[in-house]
Amino acid sequence: MTEQEFNNALIERHGLEVFQKLKNSSIAVAGLGGLGSNVSIALARAGIGKLFLVDFDTVDISNLNRQQYFVSDIGRPKAEALPEIIKKINPFINIETLNIRVTEENAYEIFKDYSIVCECFDKAENKAMLINTLLTSSHNITIVSGSGMAGYDTGNTIKTQKLSDRLYICGDRVSGIEQGLHLMAPRVGICAMHEANTALRLLLGIKEI
């Protein structure tokens, strides 16, 4: 398959204008676990031109119940394994990775070149740190975050909310590991698709939910 053949297939489905906007766009994904691996793959399938993937962790057997990795990836850095998986789906996407723990001190420097950041961390305190740091340190970064997708309650409670011009929250904002719930593939996947869809809409100039 040539790149032109791949592009033509996307143009047939999206139309030329949407294809070109997505092809010329880039998105950063902070955290490559249950949310981040699903978000990244959805964006790659849609034809995003560039993904910037950031995570410090390695693949663990406990990740396989909801994250887009394989048994053969166990022990590998997620920032190394996920790009290989994505390239099997979209071999022509531009992927940049950074294997680092994101902190309040380095978050802005890491993500300053990206206008859209998908926040995909597991822990509430890390989510809050990234959101607060990027919103206060920049004037042009929009964050699409996930909050509340644990357990196996109905997926109908997961939704996207616009809290400000630069912050969108996907999830039910209640169901978390802090409540003793466990993360499972279906609801995590629903939330991840909300994040990916919101990011795509923003790239296409649609700011309302």
N, C-alpha and C. Protein backbone atom coordinates (compact mmCIF):
# COMPACT_ATOMS: atom_id res chain seq x y z
N MET A 1 0.83 -1.20 0.00
CA MET A 1 0.00 0.00 0.00
C MET A 1 0.87 1.25 0.00
N THR A 2 0.56 2.16 -0.89
CA THR A 2 1.29 3.43 -0.94
C THR A 2 0.61 4.46 -0.05
N GLU A 3 1.34 5.53 0.25
CA GLU A 3 0.75 6.60 1.05
C GLU A 3 -0.43 7.25 0.33
N GLN A 4 -0.33 7.37 -0.98
CA GLN A 4 -1.43 7.95 -1.74
C GLN A 4 -2.68 7.09 -1.67
N GLU A 5 -2.51 5.79 -1.72
CA GLU A 5 -3.64 4.89 -1.60
C GLU A 5 -4.29 5.02 -0.22
N PHE A 6 -3.46 5.12 0.80
CA PHE A 6 -3.96 5.30 2.16
C PHE A 6 -4.72 6.61 2.28
N ASN A 7 -4.14 7.68 1.74
CA ASN A 7 -4.79 8.99 1.79
C ASN A 7 -6.09 9.01 1.01
N ASN A 8 -6.09 8.38 -0.14
CA ASN A 8 -7.31 8.35 -0.96
C ASN A 8 -8.46 7.67 -0.23
N ALA A 9 -8.13 6.62 0.54
CA ALA A 9 -9.17 5.93 1.30
C ALA A 9 -9.77 6.85 2.36
N LEU A 10 -8.93 7.66 3.01
CA LEU A 10 -9.43 8.61 4.00
C LEU A 10 -10.23 9.73 3.34
N ILE A 11 -9.76 10.21 2.20
CA ILE A 11 -10.47 11.26 1.48
C ILE A 11 -11.86 10.78 1.07
N GLU A 12 -11.94 9.53 0.64
CA GLU A 12 -13.23 8.96 0.24
C GLU A 12 -14.22 8.97 1.39
N ARG A 13 -13.71 8.77 2.61
CA ARG A 13 -14.59 8.68 3.77
C ARG A 13 -14.84 10.04 4.43
N HIS A 14 -13.81 10.89 4.47
CA HIS A 14 -13.93 12.15 5.19
C HIS A 14 -14.26 13.34 4.29
N GLY A 15 -13.93 13.24 3.01
CA GLY A 15 -13.95 14.40 2.13
C GLY A 15 -12.60 15.08 2.17
N LEU A 16 -12.25 15.80 1.11
CA LEU A 16 -10.93 16.38 0.98
C LEU A 16 -10.65 17.44 2.03
N GLU A 17 -11.63 18.30 2.31
CA GLU A 17 -11.39 19.39 3.25
C GLU A 17 -11.08 18.88 4.66
N VAL A 18 -11.87 17.94 5.13
CA VAL A 18 -11.63 17.38 6.47
C VAL A 18 -10.31 16.63 6.49
N PHE A 19 -10.06 15.85 5.45
CA PHE A 19 -8.80 15.11 5.38
C PHE A 19 -7.61 16.06 5.49
N GLN A 20 -7.61 17.14 4.73
CA GLN A 20 -6.47 18.06 4.74
C GLN A 20 -6.28 18.73 6.09
N LYS A 21 -7.38 19.11 6.74
CA LYS A 21 -7.28 19.74 8.06
C LYS A 21 -6.66 18.79 9.07
N LEU A 22 -7.10 17.55 9.05
CA LEU A 22 -6.56 16.57 10.00
C LEU A 22 -5.12 16.20 9.66
N LYS A 23 -4.84 16.05 8.38
CA LYS A 23 -3.49 15.69 7.95
C LYS A 23 -2.48 16.75 8.34
N ASN A 24 -2.89 18.00 8.39
CA ASN A 24 -1.99 19.11 8.72
C ASN A 24 -2.05 19.49 10.19
N SER A 25 -2.63 18.62 11.01
CA SER A 25 -2.80 18.92 12.43
C SER A 25 -1.92 18.02 13.29
N SER A 26 -1.71 18.46 14.53
CA SER A 26 -0.96 17.67 15.50
C SER A 26 -1.64 17.77 16.85
N ILE A 27 -1.52 16.71 17.63
CA ILE A 27 -2.12 16.63 18.96
C ILE A 27 -1.13 15.94 19.90
N ALA A 28 -1.08 16.41 21.13
CA ALA A 28 -0.28 15.77 22.16
C ALA A 28 -1.17 14.91 23.05
N VAL A 29 -0.64 13.77 23.46
CA VAL A 29 -1.37 12.86 24.36
C VAL A 29 -0.49 12.63 25.58
N ALA A 30 -1.00 13.04 26.74
CA ALA A 30 -0.27 12.91 28.00
C ALA A 30 -0.77 11.69 28.76
N GLY A 31 0.02 10.64 28.75
CA GLY A 31 -0.38 9.39 29.36
C GLY A 31 -0.84 8.41 28.31
N LEU A 32 -0.25 7.23 28.29
CA LEU A 32 -0.51 6.26 27.21
C LEU A 32 -1.10 4.96 27.76
N GLY A 33 -1.96 5.11 28.77
CA GLY A 33 -2.60 3.95 29.36
C GLY A 33 -3.95 3.67 28.75
N GLY A 34 -4.95 3.41 29.60
CA GLY A 34 -6.27 3.05 29.09
C GLY A 34 -6.89 4.13 28.24
N LEU A 35 -6.83 5.37 28.70
CA LEU A 35 -7.33 6.48 27.89
C LEU A 35 -6.39 6.78 26.74
N GLY A 36 -5.13 7.01 27.06
CA GLY A 36 -4.19 7.51 26.05
C GLY A 36 -3.94 6.57 24.89
N SER A 37 -3.85 5.27 25.16
CA SER A 37 -3.60 4.34 24.05
C SER A 37 -4.80 4.28 23.12
N ASN A 38 -6.00 4.33 23.70
CA ASN A 38 -7.22 4.33 22.88
C ASN A 38 -7.40 5.63 22.12
N VAL A 39 -7.16 6.75 22.79
CA VAL A 39 -7.25 8.06 22.13
C VAL A 39 -6.29 8.13 20.96
N SER A 40 -5.06 7.72 21.19
CA SER A 40 -4.01 7.81 20.16
C SER A 40 -4.36 6.99 18.93
N ILE A 41 -4.85 5.78 19.15
CA ILE A 41 -5.19 4.92 18.02
C ILE A 41 -6.38 5.49 17.25
N ALA A 42 -7.37 6.02 17.96
CA ALA A 42 -8.52 6.62 17.28
C ALA A 42 -8.10 7.80 16.42
N LEU A 43 -7.22 8.64 16.94
CA LEU A 43 -6.75 9.80 16.19
C LEU A 43 -5.92 9.37 14.98
N ALA A 44 -5.12 8.34 15.16
CA ALA A 44 -4.31 7.83 14.04
C ALA A 44 -5.21 7.28 12.94
N ARG A 45 -6.26 6.57 13.32
CA ARG A 45 -7.19 6.03 12.32
C ARG A 45 -7.90 7.16 11.57
N ALA A 46 -8.14 8.27 12.27
CA ALA A 46 -8.83 9.39 11.64
C ALA A 46 -7.94 10.15 10.66
N GLY A 47 -6.63 9.97 10.76
CA GLY A 47 -5.74 10.61 9.80
C GLY A 47 -5.01 11.84 10.32
N ILE A 48 -4.87 11.95 11.65
CA ILE A 48 -4.07 13.05 12.21
C ILE A 48 -2.66 12.99 11.65
N GLY A 49 -2.11 14.16 11.32
CA GLY A 49 -0.78 14.17 10.72
C GLY A 49 0.33 13.84 11.69
N LYS A 50 0.19 14.32 12.95
CA LYS A 50 1.27 14.09 13.92
C LYS A 50 0.70 13.87 15.32
N LEU A 51 1.27 12.89 16.01
CA LEU A 51 0.96 12.64 17.41
C LEU A 51 2.23 12.81 18.23
N PHE A 52 2.10 13.48 19.37
CA PHE A 52 3.18 13.60 20.34
C PHE A 52 2.76 12.80 21.56
N LEU A 53 3.43 11.68 21.81
CA LEU A 53 3.03 10.73 22.83
C LEU A 53 3.99 10.77 24.01
N VAL A 54 3.44 11.01 25.21
CA VAL A 54 4.28 11.21 26.40
C VAL A 54 3.85 10.26 27.52
N ASP A 55 4.80 9.48 28.03
CA ASP A 55 4.56 8.61 29.17
C ASP A 55 5.90 8.09 29.67
N PHE A 56 6.00 7.85 30.98
CA PHE A 56 7.25 7.33 31.57
C PHE A 56 7.15 5.85 31.90
N ASP A 57 5.95 5.27 31.82
CA ASP A 57 5.68 3.95 32.37
C ASP A 57 5.99 2.84 31.37
N THR A 58 6.04 1.61 31.89
CA THR A 58 6.20 0.43 31.06
C THR A 58 4.90 -0.39 31.08
N VAL A 59 4.74 -1.23 30.09
CA VAL A 59 3.54 -2.07 29.99
C VAL A 59 3.61 -3.16 31.05
N ASP A 60 2.51 -3.30 31.80
CA ASP A 60 2.40 -4.32 32.84
C ASP A 60 1.25 -5.26 32.49
N ILE A 61 1.30 -6.47 33.02
CA ILE A 61 0.23 -7.43 32.74
C ILE A 61 -1.14 -6.88 33.17
N SER A 62 -1.16 -6.05 34.20
CA SER A 62 -2.41 -5.48 34.68
C SER A 62 -3.02 -4.47 33.72
N ASN A 63 -2.24 -4.03 32.74
CA ASN A 63 -2.73 -3.06 31.76
C ASN A 63 -3.56 -3.71 30.65
N LEU A 64 -3.42 -5.01 30.48
CA LEU A 64 -3.98 -5.66 29.30
C LEU A 64 -5.50 -5.74 29.30
N ASN A 65 -6.13 -5.46 30.45
CA ASN A 65 -7.59 -5.54 30.49
C ASN A 65 -8.28 -4.34 29.87
N ARG A 66 -7.50 -3.28 29.52
CA ARG A 66 -8.14 -2.08 28.98
C ARG A 66 -7.26 -1.27 28.05
N GLN A 67 -5.99 -1.56 28.02
CA GLN A 67 -5.06 -0.76 27.22
C GLN A 67 -4.70 -1.49 25.93
N GLN A 68 -4.32 -0.75 24.91
CA GLN A 68 -4.14 -1.32 23.57
C GLN A 68 -2.75 -1.91 23.36
N TYR A 69 -2.34 -2.75 24.31
CA TYR A 69 -1.05 -3.42 24.21
C TYR A 69 -1.25 -4.93 24.14
N PHE A 70 -0.15 -5.63 23.89
CA PHE A 70 -0.19 -7.08 23.75
C PHE A 70 0.72 -7.72 24.79
N VAL A 71 0.54 -9.02 25.00
CA VAL A 71 1.38 -9.74 25.95
C VAL A 71 2.86 -9.54 25.62
N SER A 72 3.17 -9.51 24.35
CA SER A 72 4.57 -9.33 23.92
C SER A 72 5.14 -7.97 24.28
N ASP A 73 4.27 -7.02 24.65
CA ASP A 73 4.73 -5.67 25.01
C ASP A 73 5.07 -5.54 26.50
N ILE A 74 4.74 -6.54 27.30
CA ILE A 74 4.97 -6.44 28.74
C ILE A 74 6.45 -6.15 29.03
N GLY A 75 6.67 -5.14 29.85
CA GLY A 75 8.03 -4.75 30.21
C GLY A 75 8.61 -3.65 29.33
N ARG A 76 7.98 -3.37 28.22
CA ARG A 76 8.48 -2.35 27.31
C ARG A 76 7.93 -0.97 27.70
N PRO A 77 8.68 0.09 27.45
CA PRO A 77 8.14 1.43 27.66
C PRO A 77 6.92 1.65 26.77
N LYS A 78 5.87 2.23 27.33
CA LYS A 78 4.67 2.48 26.54
C LYS A 78 4.97 3.44 25.38
N ALA A 79 5.87 4.38 25.61
CA ALA A 79 6.24 5.34 24.56
C ALA A 79 7.01 4.68 23.43
N GLU A 80 7.44 3.45 23.64
CA GLU A 80 8.12 2.68 22.59
C GLU A 80 7.17 1.71 21.92
N ALA A 81 6.32 1.07 22.72
CA ALA A 81 5.43 0.04 22.19
C ALA A 81 4.26 0.62 21.40
N LEU A 82 3.65 1.70 21.92
CA LEU A 82 2.45 2.23 21.26
C LEU A 82 2.71 2.73 19.84
N PRO A 83 3.80 3.47 19.58
CA PRO A 83 4.04 3.89 18.20
C PRO A 83 4.12 2.73 17.22
N GLU A 84 4.68 1.61 17.63
CA GLU A 84 4.76 0.44 16.75
C GLU A 84 3.37 -0.09 16.43
N ILE A 85 2.50 -0.10 17.44
CA ILE A 85 1.13 -0.55 17.21
C ILE A 85 0.40 0.40 16.26
N ILE A 86 0.56 1.70 16.51
CA ILE A 86 -0.09 2.71 15.67
C ILE A 86 0.38 2.61 14.22
N LYS A 87 1.68 2.38 14.03
CA LYS A 87 2.24 2.33 12.67
C LYS A 87 1.70 1.15 11.87
N LYS A 88 1.21 0.12 12.58
CA LYS A 88 0.58 -1.00 11.87
C LYS A 88 -0.78 -0.62 11.33
N ILE A 89 -1.36 0.45 11.90
CA ILE A 89 -2.67 0.94 11.48
C ILE A 89 -2.51 2.06 10.47
N ASN A 90 -1.63 3.00 10.78
CA ASN A 90 -1.38 4.16 9.92
C ASN A 90 0.13 4.33 9.79
N PRO A 91 0.73 3.69 8.80
CA PRO A 91 2.19 3.71 8.68
C PRO A 91 2.75 5.07 8.25
N PHE A 92 1.88 6.01 7.91
CA PHE A 92 2.36 7.28 7.36
C PHE A 92 2.22 8.44 8.34
N ILE A 93 1.76 8.16 9.55
CA ILE A 93 1.61 9.20 10.55
C ILE A 93 2.99 9.57 11.12
N ASN A 94 3.14 10.82 11.49
CA ASN A 94 4.36 11.30 12.13
C ASN A 94 4.17 11.18 13.64
N ILE A 95 5.03 10.41 14.30
CA ILE A 95 4.92 10.21 15.75
C ILE A 95 6.20 10.65 16.43
N GLU A 96 6.05 11.50 17.42
CA GLU A 96 7.16 11.89 18.28
C GLU A 96 6.83 11.40 19.69
N THR A 97 7.81 10.86 20.39
CA THR A 97 7.56 10.35 21.73
C THR A 97 8.52 10.95 22.74
N LEU A 98 8.10 10.91 23.99
CA LEU A 98 8.95 11.36 25.09
C LEU A 98 8.68 10.46 26.28
N ASN A 99 9.72 9.76 26.71
CA ASN A 99 9.62 8.85 27.85
C ASN A 99 10.05 9.62 29.09
N ILE A 100 9.08 10.23 29.76
CA ILE A 100 9.38 11.10 30.89
C ILE A 100 8.16 11.20 31.80
N ARG A 101 8.41 11.39 33.09
CA ARG A 101 7.31 11.65 34.02
C ARG A 101 6.97 13.14 33.95
N VAL A 102 5.73 13.45 33.69
CA VAL A 102 5.30 14.84 33.60
C VAL A 102 5.06 15.38 35.01
N THR A 103 5.66 16.53 35.30
CA THR A 103 5.53 17.17 36.60
C THR A 103 5.08 18.61 36.42
N GLU A 104 4.77 19.24 37.53
CA GLU A 104 4.40 20.65 37.49
C GLU A 104 5.54 21.50 36.95
N GLU A 105 6.77 21.06 37.19
CA GLU A 105 7.94 21.83 36.77
C GLU A 105 8.23 21.71 35.28
N ASN A 106 7.91 20.56 34.67
CA ASN A 106 8.29 20.39 33.26
C ASN A 106 7.11 20.38 32.29
N ALA A 107 5.88 20.40 32.80
CA ALA A 107 4.71 20.22 31.93
C ALA A 107 4.63 21.25 30.82
N TYR A 108 4.81 22.51 31.15
CA TYR A 108 4.68 23.55 30.12
C TYR A 108 5.74 23.37 29.04
N GLU A 109 6.97 23.13 29.42
CA GLU A 109 8.04 22.98 28.43
C GLU A 109 7.78 21.79 27.52
N ILE A 110 7.19 20.73 28.06
CA ILE A 110 6.92 19.54 27.27
C ILE A 110 5.84 19.80 26.22
N PHE A 111 4.78 20.51 26.61
CA PHE A 111 3.60 20.62 25.75
C PHE A 111 3.39 21.99 25.12
N LYS A 112 4.30 22.91 25.30
CA LYS A 112 4.09 24.29 24.87
C LYS A 112 3.88 24.45 23.37
N ASP A 113 4.35 23.51 22.57
CA ASP A 113 4.25 23.64 21.11
C ASP A 113 2.95 23.05 20.55
N TYR A 114 2.06 22.59 21.42
CA TYR A 114 0.83 21.94 20.97
C TYR A 114 -0.39 22.71 21.45
N SER A 115 -1.31 22.98 20.54
CA SER A 115 -2.50 23.76 20.90
C SER A 115 -3.58 22.90 21.53
N ILE A 116 -3.51 21.57 21.33
CA ILE A 116 -4.46 20.66 21.95
C ILE A 116 -3.69 19.55 22.66
N VAL A 117 -4.00 19.37 23.94
CA VAL A 117 -3.39 18.30 24.72
C VAL A 117 -4.50 17.42 25.27
N CYS A 118 -4.44 16.13 24.99
CA CYS A 118 -5.37 15.18 25.58
C CYS A 118 -4.76 14.66 26.88
N GLU A 119 -5.41 14.99 27.98
CA GLU A 119 -4.95 14.55 29.30
C GLU A 119 -5.49 13.16 29.54
N CYS A 120 -4.59 12.19 29.76
CA CYS A 120 -5.00 10.79 29.87
C CYS A 120 -4.32 10.08 31.03
N PHE A 121 -4.07 10.80 32.11
CA PHE A 121 -3.48 10.19 33.29
C PHE A 121 -4.51 9.37 34.05
N ASP A 122 -4.02 8.51 34.96
CA ASP A 122 -4.90 7.67 35.76
C ASP A 122 -5.34 8.38 37.05
N LYS A 123 -4.41 9.02 37.73
CA LYS A 123 -4.69 9.53 39.07
C LYS A 123 -5.21 10.96 39.03
N ALA A 124 -6.18 11.23 39.91
CA ALA A 124 -6.84 12.54 39.94
C ALA A 124 -5.85 13.67 40.19
N GLU A 125 -4.89 13.45 41.09
CA GLU A 125 -3.93 14.52 41.40
C GLU A 125 -3.04 14.86 40.21
N ASN A 126 -2.72 13.86 39.39
CA ASN A 126 -1.91 14.12 38.20
C ASN A 126 -2.72 14.84 37.13
N LYS A 127 -4.00 14.47 37.03
CA LYS A 127 -4.87 15.17 36.10
C LYS A 127 -4.97 16.64 36.46
N ALA A 128 -5.24 16.91 37.74
CA ALA A 128 -5.38 18.29 38.20
C ALA A 128 -4.10 19.07 37.99
N MET A 129 -2.97 18.43 38.26
CA MET A 129 -1.69 19.10 38.08
C MET A 129 -1.49 19.55 36.64
N LEU A 130 -1.74 18.65 35.69
CA LEU A 130 -1.51 19.00 34.29
C LEU A 130 -2.47 20.09 33.83
N ILE A 131 -3.74 19.94 34.18
CA ILE A 131 -4.73 20.94 33.78
C ILE A 131 -4.38 22.32 34.34
N ASN A 132 -4.13 22.38 35.63
CA ASN A 132 -3.83 23.67 36.27
C ASN A 132 -2.56 24.29 35.73
N THR A 133 -1.54 23.46 35.51
CA THR A 133 -0.26 23.99 35.03
C THR A 133 -0.38 24.54 33.62
N LEU A 134 -1.02 23.80 32.73
CA LEU A 134 -1.11 24.25 31.34
C LEU A 134 -2.06 25.43 31.18
N LEU A 135 -3.13 25.45 31.95
CA LEU A 135 -4.06 26.58 31.84
C LEU A 135 -3.45 27.87 32.37
N THR A 136 -2.65 27.77 33.41
CA THR A 136 -2.06 28.98 34.00
C THR A 136 -0.76 29.40 33.32
N SER A 137 -0.07 28.46 32.70
CA SER A 137 1.23 28.77 32.10
C SER A 137 1.14 29.16 30.63
N SER A 138 0.00 28.91 30.00
CA SER A 138 -0.13 29.19 28.57
C SER A 138 -1.42 29.95 28.31
N HIS A 139 -1.50 30.50 27.10
CA HIS A 139 -2.70 31.21 26.68
C HIS A 139 -3.35 30.56 25.46
N ASN A 140 -2.71 29.51 24.94
CA ASN A 140 -3.19 28.94 23.69
C ASN A 140 -3.42 27.44 23.73
N ILE A 141 -3.15 26.80 24.86
CA ILE A 141 -3.32 25.35 24.95
C ILE A 141 -4.73 25.02 25.42
N THR A 142 -5.43 24.18 24.65
CA THR A 142 -6.73 23.67 25.05
C THR A 142 -6.55 22.23 25.52
N ILE A 143 -7.17 21.90 26.65
CA ILE A 143 -7.02 20.58 27.25
C ILE A 143 -8.32 19.80 27.13
N VAL A 144 -8.20 18.57 26.67
CA VAL A 144 -9.32 17.63 26.65
C VAL A 144 -8.98 16.55 27.66
N SER A 145 -9.75 16.48 28.74
CA SER A 145 -9.41 15.62 29.87
C SER A 145 -10.47 14.54 30.07
N GLY A 146 -10.06 13.47 30.78
CA GLY A 146 -10.99 12.40 31.12
C GLY A 146 -11.12 12.29 32.62
N SER A 147 -12.35 12.23 33.12
CA SER A 147 -12.57 12.13 34.57
C SER A 147 -13.85 11.36 34.84
N GLY A 148 -13.72 10.17 35.44
CA GLY A 148 -14.89 9.38 35.79
C GLY A 148 -15.27 8.37 34.72
N MET A 149 -14.57 7.22 34.72
CA MET A 149 -14.91 6.17 33.75
C MET A 149 -14.68 4.77 34.32
N ALA A 150 -14.45 4.70 35.63
CA ALA A 150 -14.18 3.40 36.25
C ALA A 150 -15.47 2.60 36.43
N GLY A 151 -15.29 1.31 36.70
CA GLY A 151 -16.42 0.45 36.98
C GLY A 151 -17.16 -0.02 35.74
N TYR A 152 -18.38 -0.54 35.96
CA TYR A 152 -19.20 -1.07 34.87
C TYR A 152 -20.62 -0.55 34.95
N ASP A 153 -20.77 0.68 35.44
CA ASP A 153 -22.07 1.34 35.40
C ASP A 153 -22.43 1.61 33.94
N THR A 154 -23.63 2.07 33.70
CA THR A 154 -24.05 2.35 32.33
C THR A 154 -23.11 3.34 31.65
N GLY A 155 -22.84 3.09 30.40
CA GLY A 155 -22.01 4.01 29.63
C GLY A 155 -22.73 5.30 29.28
N ASN A 156 -24.04 5.35 29.49
CA ASN A 156 -24.81 6.53 29.13
C ASN A 156 -24.54 7.73 30.02
N THR A 157 -23.88 7.51 31.16
CA THR A 157 -23.54 8.63 32.04
C THR A 157 -22.25 9.32 31.64
N ILE A 158 -21.51 8.72 30.74
CA ILE A 158 -20.27 9.33 30.25
C ILE A 158 -20.61 10.34 29.16
N LYS A 159 -20.19 11.56 29.35
CA LYS A 159 -20.49 12.63 28.40
C LYS A 159 -19.33 13.62 28.35
N THR A 160 -19.42 14.54 27.43
CA THR A 160 -18.42 15.60 27.28
C THR A 160 -19.01 16.92 27.75
N GLN A 161 -18.25 17.62 28.57
CA GLN A 161 -18.67 18.92 29.07
C GLN A 161 -17.60 19.97 28.76
N LYS A 162 -18.05 21.14 28.37
CA LYS A 162 -17.15 22.25 28.12
C LYS A 162 -17.17 23.15 29.35
N LEU A 163 -16.06 23.17 30.09
CA LEU A 163 -15.98 23.98 31.30
C LEU A 163 -15.49 25.39 31.03
N SER A 164 -14.72 25.54 29.96
CA SER A 164 -14.27 26.87 29.54
C SER A 164 -13.82 26.77 28.10
N ASP A 165 -13.40 27.86 27.51
CA ASP A 165 -12.95 27.84 26.12
C ASP A 165 -11.72 26.96 25.93
N ARG A 166 -11.03 26.64 27.03
CA ARG A 166 -9.79 25.87 26.92
C ARG A 166 -9.80 24.59 27.73
N LEU A 167 -10.96 24.18 28.21
CA LEU A 167 -11.01 22.95 29.00
C LEU A 167 -12.30 22.18 28.75
N TYR A 168 -12.13 20.95 28.30
CA TYR A 168 -13.24 20.02 28.07
C TYR A 168 -13.00 18.78 28.93
N ILE A 169 -14.05 18.32 29.62
CA ILE A 169 -13.95 17.15 30.47
C ILE A 169 -14.87 16.06 29.93
N CYS A 170 -14.31 14.86 29.75
CA CYS A 170 -15.08 13.72 29.28
C CYS A 170 -15.16 12.67 30.39
N GLY A 171 -16.34 12.12 30.60
CA GLY A 171 -16.53 11.12 31.63
C GLY A 171 -17.78 11.42 32.44
N ASP A 172 -17.98 10.68 33.54
CA ASP A 172 -19.13 10.99 34.39
C ASP A 172 -18.72 11.86 35.58
N ARG A 173 -17.41 12.10 35.72
CA ARG A 173 -16.83 12.98 36.75
C ARG A 173 -17.09 12.47 38.17
N VAL A 174 -17.45 11.20 38.29
CA VAL A 174 -17.74 10.63 39.61
C VAL A 174 -17.01 9.30 39.82
N SER A 175 -17.09 8.43 38.85
CA SER A 175 -16.61 7.05 39.01
C SER A 175 -15.10 6.97 38.81
N GLY A 176 -14.37 6.81 39.93
CA GLY A 176 -12.93 6.75 39.84
C GLY A 176 -12.34 5.68 40.73
N ILE A 177 -11.06 5.44 40.57
CA ILE A 177 -10.37 4.44 41.39
C ILE A 177 -10.33 4.88 42.85
N GLU A 178 -10.50 6.18 43.08
CA GLU A 178 -10.53 6.68 44.45
C GLU A 178 -11.74 6.17 45.22
N GLN A 179 -12.79 5.77 44.49
CA GLN A 179 -13.99 5.22 45.11
C GLN A 179 -13.93 3.69 45.24
N GLY A 180 -12.76 3.13 44.95
CA GLY A 180 -12.60 1.69 45.04
C GLY A 180 -13.06 0.94 43.81
N LEU A 181 -13.38 1.66 42.75
CA LEU A 181 -13.81 1.03 41.51
C LEU A 181 -12.59 0.63 40.67
N HIS A 182 -12.78 -0.33 39.81
CA HIS A 182 -11.69 -0.79 38.96
C HIS A 182 -11.91 -0.31 37.52
N LEU A 183 -10.82 -0.13 36.82
CA LEU A 183 -10.88 0.32 35.43
C LEU A 183 -11.07 -0.88 34.52
N MET A 184 -12.08 -0.79 33.66
CA MET A 184 -12.39 -1.87 32.73
C MET A 184 -12.51 -1.32 31.33
N ALA A 185 -12.26 -2.18 30.35
CA ALA A 185 -12.15 -1.73 28.96
C ALA A 185 -13.37 -0.98 28.43
N PRO A 186 -14.61 -1.43 28.65
CA PRO A 186 -15.73 -0.77 28.00
C PRO A 186 -15.91 0.70 28.35
N ARG A 187 -16.00 1.02 29.65
CA ARG A 187 -16.24 2.43 30.02
C ARG A 187 -15.01 3.29 29.77
N VAL A 188 -13.82 2.74 29.98
CA VAL A 188 -12.61 3.49 29.65
C VAL A 188 -12.59 3.80 28.16
N GLY A 189 -12.97 2.81 27.35
CA GLY A 189 -13.00 3.02 25.91
C GLY A 189 -14.02 4.06 25.48
N ILE A 190 -15.18 4.05 26.11
CA ILE A 190 -16.19 5.06 25.79
C ILE A 190 -15.66 6.46 26.08
N CYS A 191 -15.04 6.61 27.25
CA CYS A 191 -14.50 7.91 27.62
C CYS A 191 -13.39 8.33 26.67
N ALA A 192 -12.53 7.39 26.30
CA ALA A 192 -11.44 7.69 25.37
C ALA A 192 -11.98 8.17 24.03
N MET A 193 -13.05 7.55 23.55
CA MET A 193 -13.62 7.98 22.28
C MET A 193 -14.24 9.37 22.39
N HIS A 194 -14.80 9.70 23.56
CA HIS A 194 -15.27 11.07 23.78
C HIS A 194 -14.11 12.05 23.66
N GLU A 195 -12.99 11.70 24.26
CA GLU A 195 -11.81 12.58 24.18
C GLU A 195 -11.33 12.74 22.74
N ALA A 196 -11.21 11.62 22.05
CA ALA A 196 -10.72 11.67 20.67
C ALA A 196 -11.67 12.46 19.78
N ASN A 197 -12.97 12.25 19.96
CA ASN A 197 -13.96 12.96 19.15
C ASN A 197 -13.93 14.46 19.43
N THR A 198 -13.79 14.82 20.70
CA THR A 198 -13.71 16.24 21.06
C THR A 198 -12.47 16.88 20.45
N ALA A 199 -11.35 16.18 20.51
CA ALA A 199 -10.13 16.71 19.92
C ALA A 199 -10.28 16.90 18.41
N LEU A 200 -10.89 15.94 17.73
CA LEU A 200 -11.12 16.05 16.29
C LEU A 200 -12.01 17.25 15.97
N ARG A 201 -13.06 17.44 16.74
CA ARG A 201 -13.96 18.55 16.51
C ARG A 201 -13.25 19.89 16.68
N LEU A 202 -12.38 19.96 17.69
CA LEU A 202 -11.63 21.20 17.90
C LEU A 202 -10.71 21.47 16.71
N LEU A 203 -10.08 20.44 16.20
CA LEU A 203 -9.21 20.60 15.03
C LEU A 203 -9.98 21.10 13.81
N LEU A 204 -11.24 20.72 13.75
CA LEU A 204 -12.09 21.13 12.62
C LEU A 204 -12.81 22.44 12.89
N GLY A 205 -12.45 23.11 14.01
CA GLY A 205 -13.00 24.42 14.30
C GLY A 205 -14.33 24.40 15.02
N ILE A 206 -14.74 23.24 15.54
CA ILE A 206 -16.01 23.12 16.25
C ILE A 206 -15.73 23.15 17.74
N LYS A 207 -16.10 24.22 18.40
CA LYS A 207 -15.76 24.39 19.82
C LYS A 207 -16.90 24.04 20.75
N GLU A 208 -18.12 23.94 20.23
CA GLU A 208 -19.24 23.58 21.09
C GLU A 208 -19.39 22.08 21.19
N ILE A 209 -19.95 21.60 22.28
CA ILE A 209 -20.11 20.16 22.44
C ILE A 209 -21.46 19.71 21.89
